[in-house]
Amino acid sequence: QVQLEESGGGLVQAGGSLRVSCAASRRTSSVSAMGWFRQAPVKEREFVAAIGWTASRTRYADSVKGRFSISRDNDKNTVYLQMNSLKPEDTAVYYCAAAGTVEGVSTTPALWGRGTQVTVSS
């Protein structure tokens, strides 16, 4: 079973930047596409961004377009989410996700990480 482990969360002021990372324990077809979801208190988990194996395909939620950027390093089996111009409403637990396709990871991920807390202060 492939495991996903997030890192890099923390506390940042509004307008600041933060990068979170997610490392997969090994490379398989089940992690061809990777992405990020987030869940704020008393809210449902929502899709944030996804990236395909070749990184030629990416997908973003409207709420983060132009501020967040997803990338990956296949040699390290790691995906990154660079978050800029952070807002208090970005505060959430950020979960790494994986699936065989970008469409799959965006809607019904096959694998989940345990999450990392991101807190944006006003």
PDB file of N, CA and C in Angstrom:
ATOM      1  N   GLN A   1       0.836  -1.186   0.000  1.00  0.00           N
ATOM      2  CA  GLN A   1       0.000   0.000   0.000  1.00  0.00           C
ATOM      3  C   GLN A   1       0.879   1.247   0.000  1.00  0.00           C
ATOM      4  N   VAL A   2       0.641   2.115  -0.969  1.00  0.00           N
ATOM      5  CA  VAL A   2       1.393   3.366  -1.040  1.00  0.00           C
ATOM      6  C   VAL A   2       0.909   4.300   0.061  1.00  0.00           C
ATOM      7  N   GLN A   3       1.837   4.968   0.692  1.00  0.00           N
ATOM      8  CA  GLN A   3       1.487   5.944   1.718  1.00  0.00           C
ATOM      9  C   GLN A   3       1.880   7.330   1.270  1.00  0.00           C
ATOM     10  N   LEU A   4       1.066   8.302   1.658  1.00  0.00           N
ATOM     11  CA  LEU A   4       1.324   9.703   1.347  1.00  0.00           C
ATOM     12  C   LEU A   4       1.591  10.447   2.646  1.00  0.00           C
ATOM     13  N   GLU A   5       2.637  11.247   2.667  1.00  0.00           N
ATOM     14  CA  GLU A   5       2.973  11.985   3.872  1.00  0.00           C
ATOM     15  C   GLU A   5       3.184  13.451   3.557  1.00  0.00           C
ATOM     16  N   GLU A   6       2.365  14.292   4.178  1.00  0.00           N
ATOM     17  CA  GLU A   6       2.463  15.740   3.968  1.00  0.00           C
ATOM     18  C   GLU A   6       3.450  16.362   4.951  1.00  0.00           C
ATOM     19  N   SER A   7       3.980  17.505   4.548  1.00  0.00           N
ATOM     20  CA  SER A   7       4.837  18.290   5.431  1.00  0.00           C
ATOM     21  C   SER A   7       4.798  19.734   4.976  1.00  0.00           C
ATOM     22  N   GLY A   8       5.243  20.630   5.857  1.00  0.00           N
ATOM     23  CA  GLY A   8       5.384  22.024   5.465  1.00  0.00           C
ATOM     24  C   GLY A   8       4.281  22.955   5.908  1.00  0.00           C
ATOM     25  N   GLY A   9       3.277  22.453   6.593  1.00  0.00           N
ATOM     26  CA  GLY A   9       2.230  23.342   7.078  1.00  0.00           C
ATOM     27  C   GLY A   9       2.752  24.258   8.170  1.00  0.00           C
ATOM     28  N   GLY A  10       1.922  25.214   8.565  1.00  0.00           N
ATOM     29  CA  GLY A  10       2.327  26.114   9.628  1.00  0.00           C
ATOM     30  C   GLY A  10       1.451  27.340   9.691  1.00  0.00           C
ATOM     31  N   LEU A  11       1.963  28.343  10.391  1.00  0.00           N
ATOM     32  CA  LEU A  11       1.253  29.601  10.593  1.00  0.00           C
ATOM     33  C   LEU A  11       1.908  30.686   9.762  1.00  0.00           C
ATOM     34  N   VAL A  12       1.094  31.442   9.045  1.00  0.00           N
ATOM     35  CA  VAL A  12       1.603  32.520   8.209  1.00  0.00           C
ATOM     36  C   VAL A  12       0.617  33.682   8.251  1.00  0.00           C
ATOM     37  N   GLN A  13       1.130  34.885   8.070  1.00  0.00           N
ATOM     38  CA  GLN A  13       0.258  36.056   8.046  1.00  0.00           C
ATOM     39  C   GLN A  13      -0.423  36.192   6.694  1.00  0.00           C
ATOM     40  N   ALA A  14      -1.560  36.833   6.691  1.00  0.00           N
ATOM     41  CA  ALA A  14      -2.265  37.097   5.445  1.00  0.00           C
ATOM     42  C   ALA A  14      -1.353  37.847   4.475  1.00  0.00           C
ATOM     43  N   GLY A  15      -1.398  37.414   3.226  1.00  0.00           N
ATOM     44  CA  GLY A  15      -0.524  37.996   2.214  1.00  0.00           C
ATOM     45  C   GLY A  15       0.789  37.266   2.049  1.00  0.00           C
ATOM     46  N   GLY A  16       1.075  36.376   2.973  1.00  0.00           N
ATOM     47  CA  GLY A  16       2.319  35.634   2.933  1.00  0.00           C
ATOM     48  C   GLY A  16       2.251  34.399   2.062  1.00  0.00           C
ATOM     49  N   SER A  17       3.347  33.632   2.091  1.00  0.00           N
ATOM     50  CA  SER A  17       3.456  32.435   1.264  1.00  0.00           C
ATOM     51  C   SER A  17       3.852  31.237   2.116  1.00  0.00           C
ATOM     52  N   LEU A  18       3.514  30.077   1.603  1.00  0.00           N
ATOM     53  CA  LEU A  18       3.853  28.832   2.282  1.00  0.00           C
ATOM     54  C   LEU A  18       3.877  27.732   1.230  1.00  0.00           C
ATOM     55  N   ARG A  19       4.755  26.758   1.409  1.00  0.00           N
ATOM     56  CA  ARG A  19       4.782  25.608   0.512  1.00  0.00           C
ATOM     57  C   ARG A  19       4.599  24.338   1.315  1.00  0.00           C
ATOM     58  N   VAL A  20       3.653  23.531   0.898  1.00  0.00           N
ATOM     59  CA  VAL A  20       3.465  22.219   1.503  1.00  0.00           C
ATOM     60  C   VAL A  20       3.910  21.149   0.519  1.00  0.00           C
ATOM     61  N   SER A  21       4.377  20.046   1.064  1.00  0.00           N
ATOM     62  CA  SER A  21       4.900  18.959   0.249  1.00  0.00           C
ATOM     63  C   SER A  21       4.199  17.661   0.600  1.00  0.00           C
ATOM     64  N   CYS A  22       4.204  16.754  -0.343  1.00  0.00           N
ATOM     65  CA  CYS A  22       3.634  15.429  -0.107  1.00  0.00           C
ATOM     66  C   CYS A  22       4.520  14.397  -0.787  1.00  0.00           C
ATOM     67  N   ALA A  23       5.033  13.481   0.001  1.00  0.00           N
ATOM     68  CA  ALA A  23       5.889  12.430  -0.530  1.00  0.00           C
ATOM     69  C   ALA A  23       5.152  11.098  -0.547  1.00  0.00           C
ATOM     70  N   ALA A  24       5.211  10.431  -1.680  1.00  0.00           N
ATOM     71  CA  ALA A  24       4.642   9.088  -1.794  1.00  0.00           C
ATOM     72  C   ALA A  24       5.727   8.072  -1.459  1.00  0.00           C
ATOM     73  N   SER A  25       5.334   7.009  -0.765  1.00  0.00           N
ATOM     74  CA  SER A  25       6.318   6.035  -0.289  1.00  0.00           C
ATOM     75  C   SER A  25       6.961   5.265  -1.436  1.00  0.00           C
ATOM     76  N   ARG A  26       6.267   5.141  -2.550  1.00  0.00           N
ATOM     77  CA  ARG A  26       6.846   4.512  -3.724  1.00  0.00           C
ATOM     78  C   ARG A  26       6.048   4.920  -4.946  1.00  0.00           C
ATOM     79  N   ARG A  27       6.607   4.625  -6.091  1.00  0.00           N
ATOM     80  CA  ARG A  27       5.980   5.026  -7.338  1.00  0.00           C
ATOM     81  C   ARG A  27       5.185   3.865  -7.903  1.00  0.00           C
ATOM     82  N   THR A  28       3.905   4.106  -8.117  1.00  0.00           N
ATOM     83  CA  THR A  28       3.051   3.119  -8.779  1.00  0.00           C
ATOM     84  C   THR A  28       2.048   3.863  -9.648  1.00  0.00           C
ATOM     85  N   SER A  29       1.314   3.099 -10.433  1.00  0.00           N
ATOM     86  CA  SER A  29       0.308   3.736 -11.277  1.00  0.00           C
ATOM     87  C   SER A  29      -0.780   4.404 -10.452  1.00  0.00           C
ATOM     88  N   SER A  30      -0.942   3.969  -9.217  1.00  0.00           N
ATOM     89  CA  SER A  30      -1.987   4.548  -8.368  1.00  0.00           C
ATOM     90  C   SER A  30      -1.667   5.970  -7.936  1.00  0.00           C
ATOM     91  N   VAL A  31      -0.431   6.402  -8.129  1.00  0.00           N
ATOM     92  CA  VAL A  31      -0.075   7.788  -7.787  1.00  0.00           C
ATOM     93  C   VAL A  31       0.413   8.525  -9.021  1.00  0.00           C
ATOM     94  N   SER A  32      -0.088   8.120 -10.191  1.00  0.00           N
ATOM     95  CA  SER A  32       0.274   8.824 -11.407  1.00  0.00           C
ATOM     96  C   SER A  32      -0.148  10.281 -11.335  1.00  0.00           C
ATOM     97  N   ALA A  33      -1.325  10.526 -10.803  1.00  0.00           N
ATOM     98  CA  ALA A  33      -1.804  11.886 -10.595  1.00  0.00           C
ATOM     99  C   ALA A  33      -1.883  12.152  -9.099  1.00  0.00           C
ATOM    100  N   MET A  34      -1.507  13.350  -8.718  1.00  0.00           N
ATOM    101  CA  MET A  34      -1.538  13.709  -7.297  1.00  0.00           C
ATOM    102  C   MET A  34      -2.185  15.071  -7.158  1.00  0.00           C
ATOM    103  N   GLY A  35      -2.642  15.348  -5.966  1.00  0.00           N
ATOM    104  CA  GLY A  35      -3.314  16.625  -5.776  1.00  0.00           C
ATOM    105  C   GLY A  35      -3.488  16.974  -4.324  1.00  0.00           C
ATOM    106  N   TRP A  36      -4.219  18.054  -4.112  1.00  0.00           N
ATOM    107  CA  TRP A  36      -4.459  18.569  -2.768  1.00  0.00           C
ATOM    108  C   TRP A  36      -5.935  18.898  -2.577  1.00  0.00           C
ATOM    109  N   PHE A  37      -6.407  18.583  -1.393  1.00  0.00           N
ATOM    110  CA  PHE A  37      -7.719  18.982  -0.916  1.00  0.00           C
ATOM    111  C   PHE A  37      -7.498  19.748   0.382  1.00  0.00           C
ATOM    112  N   ARG A  38      -8.529  20.425   0.835  1.00  0.00           N
ATOM    113  CA  ARG A  38      -8.440  21.077   2.136  1.00  0.00           C
ATOM    114  C   ARG A  38      -9.796  21.012   2.835  1.00  0.00           C
ATOM    115  N   GLN A  39      -9.721  21.065   4.153  1.00  0.00           N
ATOM    116  CA  GLN A  39     -10.944  21.037   4.944  1.00  0.00           C
ATOM    117  C   GLN A  39     -10.803  22.011   6.099  1.00  0.00           C
ATOM    118  N   ALA A  40     -11.656  23.010   6.088  1.00  0.00           N
ATOM    119  CA  ALA A  40     -11.714  23.988   7.168  1.00  0.00           C
ATOM    120  C   ALA A  40     -12.714  23.499   8.211  1.00  0.00           C
ATOM    121  N   PRO A  41     -12.613  24.021   9.428  1.00  0.00           N
ATOM    122  CA  PRO A  41     -13.547  23.618  10.486  1.00  0.00           C
ATOM    123  C   PRO A  41     -14.995  23.788  10.059  1.00  0.00           C
ATOM    124  N   VAL A  42     -15.802  22.829  10.350  1.00  0.00           N
ATOM    125  CA  VAL A  42     -17.241  22.771  10.064  1.00  0.00           C
ATOM    126  C   VAL A  42     -17.561  22.914   8.579  1.00  0.00           C
ATOM    127  N   LYS A  43     -16.595  22.660   7.725  1.00  0.00           N
ATOM    128  CA  LYS A  43     -16.832  22.692   6.277  1.00  0.00           C
ATOM    129  C   LYS A  43     -16.467  21.341   5.672  1.00  0.00           C
ATOM    130  N   GLU A  44     -17.007  21.083   4.494  1.00  0.00           N
ATOM    131  CA  GLU A  44     -16.673  19.858   3.793  1.00  0.00           C
ATOM    132  C   GLU A  44     -15.292  19.969   3.152  1.00  0.00           C
ATOM    133  N   ARG A  45     -14.687  18.819   2.957  1.00  0.00           N
ATOM    134  CA  ARG A  45     -13.397  18.794   2.275  1.00  0.00           C
ATOM    135  C   ARG A  45     -13.605  19.227   0.828  1.00  0.00           C
ATOM    136  N   GLU A  46     -12.699  20.077   0.329  1.00  0.00           N
ATOM    137  CA  GLU A  46     -12.841  20.600  -1.023  1.00  0.00           C
ATOM    138  C   GLU A  46     -11.558  20.441  -1.816  1.00  0.00           C
ATOM    139  N   PHE A  47     -11.724  20.285  -3.100  1.00  0.00           N
ATOM    140  CA  PHE A  47     -10.602  20.141  -4.016  1.00  0.00           C
ATOM    141  C   PHE A  47      -9.844  21.458  -4.133  1.00  0.00           C
ATOM    142  N   VAL A  48      -8.514  21.373  -4.211  1.00  0.00           N
ATOM    143  CA  VAL A  48      -7.676  22.553  -4.356  1.00  0.00           C
ATOM    144  C   VAL A  48      -6.917  22.535  -5.688  1.00  0.00           C
ATOM    145  N   ALA A  49      -6.141  21.482  -5.929  1.00  0.00           N
ATOM    146  CA  ALA A  49      -5.323  21.426  -7.138  1.00  0.00           C
ATOM    147  C   ALA A  49      -4.926  19.994  -7.438  1.00  0.00           C
ATOM    148  N   ALA A  50      -4.619  19.729  -8.701  1.00  0.00           N
ATOM    149  CA  ALA A  50      -4.172  18.406  -9.115  1.00  0.00           C
ATOM    150  C   ALA A  50      -3.170  18.521 -10.243  1.00  0.00           C
ATOM    151  N   ILE A  51      -2.345  17.488 -10.374  1.00  0.00           N
ATOM    152  CA  ILE A  51      -1.314  17.488 -11.403  1.00  0.00           C
ATOM    153  C   ILE A  51      -1.124  16.073 -11.919  1.00  0.00           C
ATOM    154  N   GLY A  52      -0.930  15.955 -13.225  1.00  0.00           N
ATOM    155  CA  GLY A  52      -0.702  14.664 -13.824  1.00  0.00           C
ATOM    156  C   GLY A  52       0.749  14.234 -13.728  1.00  0.00           C
ATOM    157  N   TRP A  53       1.027  13.039 -14.208  1.00  0.00           N
ATOM    158  CA  TRP A  53       2.376  12.480 -14.087  1.00  0.00           C
ATOM    159  C   TRP A  53       3.422  13.335 -14.793  1.00  0.00           C
ATOM    160  N   THR A  54       3.100  13.800 -15.982  1.00  0.00           N
ATOM    161  CA  THR A  54       4.072  14.585 -16.740  1.00  0.00           C
ATOM    162  C   THR A  54       4.043  16.056 -16.384  1.00  0.00           C
ATOM    163  N   ALA A  55       3.139  16.440 -15.495  1.00  0.00           N
ATOM    164  CA  ALA A  55       2.983  17.835 -15.074  1.00  0.00           C
ATOM    165  C   ALA A  55       2.436  18.729 -16.181  1.00  0.00           C
ATOM    166  N   SER A  56       2.124  18.136 -17.341  1.00  0.00           N
ATOM    167  CA  SER A  56       1.559  18.949 -18.415  1.00  0.00           C
ATOM    168  C   SER A  56       0.100  19.281 -18.149  1.00  0.00           C
ATOM    169  N   ARG A  57      -0.518  18.488 -17.306  1.00  0.00           N
ATOM    170  CA  ARG A  57      -1.917  18.731 -16.961  1.00  0.00           C
ATOM    171  C   ARG A  57      -2.022  19.142 -15.507  1.00  0.00           C
ATOM    172  N   THR A  58      -2.643  20.265 -15.288  1.00  0.00           N
ATOM    173  CA  THR A  58      -2.919  20.717 -13.936  1.00  0.00           C
ATOM    174  C   THR A  58      -4.360  21.203 -13.874  1.00  0.00           C
ATOM    175  N   ARG A  59      -4.884  21.214 -12.685  1.00  0.00           N
ATOM    176  CA  ARG A  59      -6.258  21.671 -12.475  1.00  0.00           C
ATOM    177  C   ARG A  59      -6.301  22.384 -11.135  1.00  0.00           C
ATOM    178  N   TYR A  60      -7.045  23.489 -11.076  1.00  0.00           N
ATOM    179  CA  TYR A  60      -7.141  24.277  -9.860  1.00  0.00           C
ATOM    180  C   TYR A  60      -8.590  24.625  -9.550  1.00  0.00           C
ATOM    181  N   ALA A  61      -8.874  24.739  -8.270  1.00  0.00           N
ATOM    182  CA  ALA A  61     -10.151  25.299  -7.860  1.00  0.00           C
ATOM    183  C   ALA A  61     -10.156  26.793  -8.177  1.00  0.00           C
ATOM    184  N   ASP A  62     -11.316  27.316  -8.492  1.00  0.00           N
ATOM    185  CA  ASP A  62     -11.399  28.739  -8.832  1.00  0.00           C
ATOM    186  C   ASP A  62     -10.895  29.621  -7.699  1.00  0.00           C
ATOM    187  N   SER A  63     -11.106  29.177  -6.480  1.00  0.00           N
ATOM    188  CA  SER A  63     -10.753  29.992  -5.318  1.00  0.00           C
ATOM    189  C   SER A  63      -9.247  30.187  -5.144  1.00  0.00           C
ATOM    190  N   VAL A  64      -8.445  29.356  -5.804  1.00  0.00           N
ATOM    191  CA  VAL A  64      -6.984  29.454  -5.621  1.00  0.00           C
ATOM    192  C   VAL A  64      -6.253  29.780  -6.919  1.00  0.00           C
ATOM    193  N   LYS A  65      -6.957  29.854  -8.033  1.00  0.00           N
ATOM    194  CA  LYS A  65      -6.303  30.157  -9.309  1.00  0.00           C
ATOM    195  C   LYS A  65      -5.574  31.484  -9.245  1.00  0.00           C
ATOM    196  N   GLY A  66      -4.347  31.484  -9.747  1.00  0.00           N
ATOM    197  CA  GLY A  66      -3.540  32.697  -9.740  1.00  0.00           C
ATOM    198  C   GLY A  66      -2.769  32.912  -8.448  1.00  0.00           C
ATOM    199  N   ARG A  67      -3.103  32.156  -7.405  1.00  0.00           N
ATOM    200  CA  ARG A  67      -2.397  32.291  -6.121  1.00  0.00           C
ATOM    201  C   ARG A  67      -1.616  31.039  -5.754  1.00  0.00           C
ATOM    202  N   PHE A  68      -2.154  29.891  -6.083  1.00  0.00           N
ATOM    203  CA  PHE A  68      -1.519  28.613  -5.751  1.00  0.00           C
ATOM    204  C   PHE A  68      -0.940  27.986  -7.008  1.00  0.00           C
ATOM    205  N   SER A  69       0.146  27.237  -6.827  1.00  0.00           N
ATOM    206  CA  SER A  69       0.769  26.541  -7.944  1.00  0.00           C
ATOM    207  C   SER A  69       1.170  25.134  -7.504  1.00  0.00           C
ATOM    208  N   ILE A  70       0.778  24.149  -8.285  1.00  0.00           N
ATOM    209  CA  ILE A  70       1.124  22.770  -7.967  1.00  0.00           C
ATOM    210  C   ILE A  70       2.232  22.305  -8.897  1.00  0.00           C
ATOM    211  N   SER A  71       3.159  21.541  -8.349  1.00  0.00           N
ATOM    212  CA  SER A  71       4.263  21.000  -9.141  1.00  0.00           C
ATOM    213  C   SER A  71       4.662  19.648  -8.562  1.00  0.00           C
ATOM    214  N   ARG A  72       5.536  18.951  -9.280  1.00  0.00           N
ATOM    215  CA  ARG A  72       5.953  17.652  -8.761  1.00  0.00           C
ATOM    216  C   ARG A  72       7.383  17.347  -9.185  1.00  0.00           C
ATOM    217  N   ASP A  73       8.028  16.499  -8.399  1.00  0.00           N
ATOM    218  CA  ASP A  73       9.359  15.993  -8.697  1.00  0.00           C
ATOM    219  C   ASP A  73       9.238  14.482  -8.703  1.00  0.00           C
ATOM    220  N   ASN A  74       9.193  13.895  -9.872  1.00  0.00           N
ATOM    221  CA  ASN A  74       8.965  12.453  -9.966  1.00  0.00           C
ATOM    222  C   ASN A  74      10.152  11.646  -9.454  1.00  0.00           C
ATOM    223  N   ASP A  75      11.326  12.205  -9.513  1.00  0.00           N
ATOM    224  CA  ASP A  75      12.494  11.492  -8.965  1.00  0.00           C
ATOM    225  C   ASP A  75      12.365  11.306  -7.462  1.00  0.00           C
ATOM    226  N   LYS A  76      11.657  12.232  -6.815  1.00  0.00           N
ATOM    227  CA  LYS A  76      11.473  12.173  -5.366  1.00  0.00           C
ATOM    228  C   LYS A  76      10.078  11.694  -4.980  1.00  0.00           C
ATOM    229  N   ASN A  77       9.265  11.354  -5.974  1.00  0.00           N
ATOM    230  CA  ASN A  77       7.876  10.946  -5.714  1.00  0.00           C
ATOM    231  C   ASN A  77       7.159  11.971  -4.844  1.00  0.00           C
ATOM    232  N   THR A  78       7.373  13.229  -5.134  1.00  0.00           N
ATOM    233  CA  THR A  78       6.871  14.306  -4.280  1.00  0.00           C
ATOM    234  C   THR A  78       6.107  15.338  -5.094  1.00  0.00           C
ATOM    235  N   VAL A  79       5.016  15.811  -4.519  1.00  0.00           N
ATOM    236  CA  VAL A  79       4.249  16.890  -5.118  1.00  0.00           C
ATOM    237  C   VAL A  79       4.256  18.075  -4.161  1.00  0.00           C
ATOM    238  N   TYR A  80       4.268  19.264  -4.724  1.00  0.00           N
ATOM    239  CA  TYR A  80       4.341  20.481  -3.939  1.00  0.00           C
ATOM    240  C   TYR A  80       3.131  21.369  -4.233  1.00  0.00           C
ATOM    241  N   LEU A  81       2.745  22.144  -3.229  1.00  0.00           N
ATOM    242  CA  LEU A  81       1.726  23.165  -3.425  1.00  0.00           C
ATOM    243  C   LEU A  81       2.293  24.473  -2.889  1.00  0.00           C
ATOM    244  N   GLN A  82       2.629  25.360  -3.808  1.00  0.00           N
ATOM    245  CA  GLN A  82       3.113  26.684  -3.448  1.00  0.00           C
ATOM    246  C   GLN A  82       1.918  27.600  -3.303  1.00  0.00           C
ATOM    247  N   MET A  83       1.770  28.183  -2.128  1.00  0.00           N
ATOM    248  CA  MET A  83       0.615  29.020  -1.836  1.00  0.00           C
ATOM    249  C   MET A  83       1.083  30.457  -1.595  1.00  0.00           C
ATOM    250  N   ASN A  84       0.651  31.360  -2.439  1.00  0.00           N
ATOM    251  CA  ASN A  84       1.003  32.758  -2.332  1.00  0.00           C
ATOM    252  C   ASN A  84      -0.234  33.599  -2.055  1.00  0.00           C
ATOM    253  N   SER A  85      -0.004  34.821  -1.605  1.00  0.00           N
ATOM    254  CA  SER A  85      -1.112  35.741  -1.317  1.00  0.00           C
ATOM    255  C   SER A  85      -2.173  35.065  -0.460  1.00  0.00           C
ATOM    256  N   LEU A  86      -1.722  34.421   0.584  1.00  0.00           N
ATOM    257  CA  LEU A  86      -2.637  33.648   1.422  1.00  0.00           C
ATOM    258  C   LEU A  86      -3.637  34.549   2.135  1.00  0.00           C
ATOM    259  N   LYS A  87      -4.836  34.008   2.313  1.00  0.00           N
ATOM    260  CA  LYS A  87      -5.925  34.714   2.963  1.00  0.00           C
ATOM    261  C   LYS A  87      -6.369  33.911   4.185  1.00  0.00           C
ATOM    262  N   PRO A  88      -6.981  34.557   5.152  1.00  0.00           N
ATOM    263  CA  PRO A  88      -7.478  33.819   6.321  1.00  0.00           C
ATOM    264  C   PRO A  88      -8.413  32.683   5.932  1.00  0.00           C
ATOM    265  N   GLU A  89      -9.162  32.859   4.863  1.00  0.00           N
ATOM    266  CA  GLU A  89     -10.085  31.802   4.440  1.00  0.00           C
ATOM    267  C   GLU A  89      -9.371  30.599   3.832  1.00  0.00           C
ATOM    268  N   ASP A  90      -8.070  30.685   3.644  1.00  0.00           N
ATOM    269  CA  ASP A  90      -7.286  29.524   3.209  1.00  0.00           C
ATOM    270  C   ASP A  90      -6.929  28.613   4.381  1.00  0.00           C
ATOM    271  N   THR A  91      -7.228  29.064   5.589  1.00  0.00           N
ATOM    272  CA  THR A  91      -6.938  28.257   6.768  1.00  0.00           C
ATOM    273  C   THR A  91      -7.710  26.940   6.707  1.00  0.00           C
ATOM    274  N   ALA A  92      -6.973  25.844   6.828  1.00  0.00           N
ATOM    275  CA  ALA A  92      -7.584  24.519   6.719  1.00  0.00           C
ATOM    276  C   ALA A  92      -6.520  23.459   6.967  1.00  0.00           C
ATOM    277  N   VAL A  93      -6.976  22.235   7.098  1.00  0.00           N
ATOM    278  CA  VAL A  93      -6.061  21.100   7.028  1.00  0.00           C
ATOM    279  C   VAL A  93      -5.954  20.727   5.552  1.00  0.00           C
ATOM    280  N   TYR A  94      -4.743  20.659   5.067  1.00  0.00           N
ATOM    281  CA  TYR A  94      -4.496  20.355   3.659  1.00  0.00           C
ATOM    282  C   TYR A  94      -4.111  18.885   3.529  1.00  0.00           C
ATOM    283  N   TYR A  95      -4.849  18.191   2.689  1.00  0.00           N
ATOM    284  CA  TYR A  95      -4.652  16.748   2.504  1.00  0.00           C
ATOM    285  C   TYR A  95      -4.083  16.473   1.115  1.00  0.00           C
ATOM    286  N   CYS A  96      -3.090  15.633   1.084  1.00  0.00           N
ATOM    287  CA  CYS A  96      -2.558  15.137  -0.178  1.00  0.00           C
ATOM    288  C   CYS A  96      -3.437  13.992  -0.659  1.00  0.00           C
ATOM    289  N   ALA A  97      -3.581  13.871  -1.968  1.00  0.00           N
ATOM    290  CA  ALA A  97      -4.404  12.811  -2.543  1.00  0.00           C
ATOM    291  C   ALA A  97      -3.733  12.277  -3.797  1.00  0.00           C
ATOM    292  N   ALA A  98      -4.106  11.064  -4.177  1.00  0.00           N
ATOM    293  CA  ALA A  98      -3.515  10.461  -5.373  1.00  0.00           C
ATOM    294  C   ALA A  98      -4.521   9.548  -6.049  1.00  0.00           C
ATOM    295  N   ALA A  99      -4.349   9.414  -7.359  1.00  0.00           N
ATOM    296  CA  ALA A  99      -5.184   8.522  -8.159  1.00  0.00           C
ATOM    297  C   ALA A  99      -4.467   8.292  -9.479  1.00  0.00           C
ATOM    298  N   GLY A 100      -5.110   7.530 -10.369  1.00  0.00           N
ATOM    299  CA  GLY A 100      -4.474   7.222 -11.633  1.00  0.00           C
ATOM    300  C   GLY A 100      -4.542   8.345 -12.653  1.00  0.00           C
ATOM    301  N   THR A 101      -5.510   9.233 -12.524  1.00  0.00           N
ATOM    302  CA  THR A 101      -5.696  10.322 -13.488  1.00  0.00           C
ATOM    303  C   THR A 101      -5.980  11.634 -12.775  1.00  0.00           C
ATOM    304  N   VAL A 102      -5.812  12.721 -13.503  1.00  0.00           N
ATOM    305  CA  VAL A 102      -6.127  14.038 -12.939  1.00  0.00           C
ATOM    306  C   VAL A 102      -7.613  14.119 -12.603  1.00  0.00           C
ATOM    307  N   GLU A 103      -8.439  13.579 -13.492  1.00  0.00           N
ATOM    308  CA  GLU A 103      -9.878  13.586 -13.223  1.00  0.00           C
ATOM    309  C   GLU A 103     -10.192  12.780 -11.962  1.00  0.00           C
ATOM    310  N   GLY A 104      -9.529  11.663 -11.833  1.00  0.00           N
ATOM    311  CA  GLY A 104      -9.742  10.811 -10.667  1.00  0.00           C
ATOM    312  C   GLY A 104      -9.324  11.465  -9.369  1.00  0.00           C
ATOM    313  N   VAL A 105      -8.132  12.061  -9.361  1.00  0.00           N
ATOM    314  CA  VAL A 105      -7.651  12.652  -8.114  1.00  0.00           C
ATOM    315  C   VAL A 105      -8.457  13.894  -7.762  1.00  0.00           C
ATOM    316  N   SER A 106      -9.056  14.534  -8.750  1.00  0.00           N
ATOM    317  CA  SER A 106      -9.840  15.743  -8.494  1.00  0.00           C
ATOM    318  C   SER A 106     -11.204  15.438  -7.891  1.00  0.00           C
ATOM    319  N   THR A 107     -11.699  14.239  -8.116  1.00  0.00           N
ATOM    320  CA  THR A 107     -13.065  13.909  -7.698  1.00  0.00           C
ATOM    321  C   THR A 107     -13.142  12.780  -6.685  1.00  0.00           C
ATOM    322  N   THR A 108     -12.457  11.671  -6.966  1.00  0.00           N
ATOM    323  CA  THR A 108     -12.526  10.502  -6.090  1.00  0.00           C
ATOM    324  C   THR A 108     -11.140   9.904  -5.897  1.00  0.00           C
ATOM    325  N   PRO A 109     -10.310  10.542  -5.098  1.00  0.00           N
ATOM    326  CA  PRO A 109      -8.957  10.022  -4.880  1.00  0.00           C
ATOM    327  C   PRO A 109      -8.941   8.605  -4.332  1.00  0.00           C
ATOM    328  N   ALA A 110      -7.934   7.844  -4.752  1.00  0.00           N
ATOM    329  CA  ALA A 110      -7.790   6.481  -4.261  1.00  0.00           C
ATOM    330  C   ALA A 110      -6.977   6.430  -2.968  1.00  0.00           C
ATOM    331  N   LEU A 111      -6.131   7.439  -2.777  1.00  0.00           N
ATOM    332  CA  LEU A 111      -5.262   7.471  -1.608  1.00  0.00           C
ATOM    333  C   LEU A 111      -5.311   8.859  -0.974  1.00  0.00           C
ATOM    334  N   TRP A 112      -5.144   8.855   0.357  1.00  0.00           N
ATOM    335  CA  TRP A 112      -5.139  10.119   1.102  1.00  0.00           C
ATOM    336  C   TRP A 112      -3.961  10.139   2.076  1.00  0.00           C
ATOM    337  N   GLY A 113      -3.432  11.340   2.287  1.00  0.00           N
ATOM    338  CA  GLY A 113      -2.493  11.545   3.358  1.00  0.00           C
ATOM    339  C   GLY A 113      -3.246  11.905   4.629  1.00  0.00           C
ATOM    340  N   ARG A 114      -2.515  12.122   5.709  1.00  0.00           N
ATOM    341  CA  ARG A 114      -3.154  12.423   6.989  1.00  0.00           C
ATOM    342  C   ARG A 114      -3.428  13.906   7.172  1.00  0.00           C
ATOM    343  N   GLY A 115      -2.813  14.734   6.360  1.00  0.00           N
ATOM    344  CA  GLY A 115      -3.093  16.162   6.418  1.00  0.00           C
ATOM    345  C   GLY A 115      -2.050  16.960   7.159  1.00  0.00           C
ATOM    346  N   THR A 116      -1.972  18.232   6.803  1.00  0.00           N
ATOM    347  CA  THR A 116      -1.085  19.173   7.488  1.00  0.00           C
ATOM    348  C   THR A 116      -1.839  20.480   7.662  1.00  0.00           C
ATOM    349  N   GLN A 117      -1.715  21.066   8.847  1.00  0.00           N
ATOM    350  CA  GLN A 117      -2.481  22.272   9.168  1.00  0.00           C
ATOM    351  C   GLN A 117      -1.814  23.509   8.577  1.00  0.00           C
ATOM    352  N   VAL A 118      -2.621  24.329   7.910  1.00  0.00           N
ATOM    353  CA  VAL A 118      -2.190  25.631   7.428  1.00  0.00           C
ATOM    354  C   VAL A 118      -3.099  26.674   8.064  1.00  0.00           C
ATOM    355  N   THR A 119      -2.498  27.621   8.755  1.00  0.00           N
ATOM    356  CA  THR A 119      -3.263  28.663   9.430  1.00  0.00           C
ATOM    357  C   THR A 119      -2.784  30.014   8.946  1.00  0.00           C
ATOM    358  N   VAL A 120      -3.722  30.821   8.464  1.00  0.00           N
ATOM    359  CA  VAL A 120      -3.399  32.150   7.957  1.00  0.00           C
ATOM    360  C   VAL A 120      -4.027  33.171   8.901  1.00  0.00           C
ATOM    361  N   SER A 121      -3.200  33.959   9.530  1.00  0.00           N
ATOM    362  CA  SER A 121      -3.691  34.953  10.475  1.00  0.00           C
ATOM    363  C   SER A 121      -3.961  36.282   9.771  1.00  0.00           C
ATOM    364  N   SER A 122      -4.958  37.000  10.256  1.00  0.00           N
ATOM    365  CA  SER A 122      -5.319  38.286   9.633  1.00  0.00           C
ATOM    366  C   SER A 122      -4.560  39.434  10.255  1.00  0.00           C
TER     367      SER A 122
END
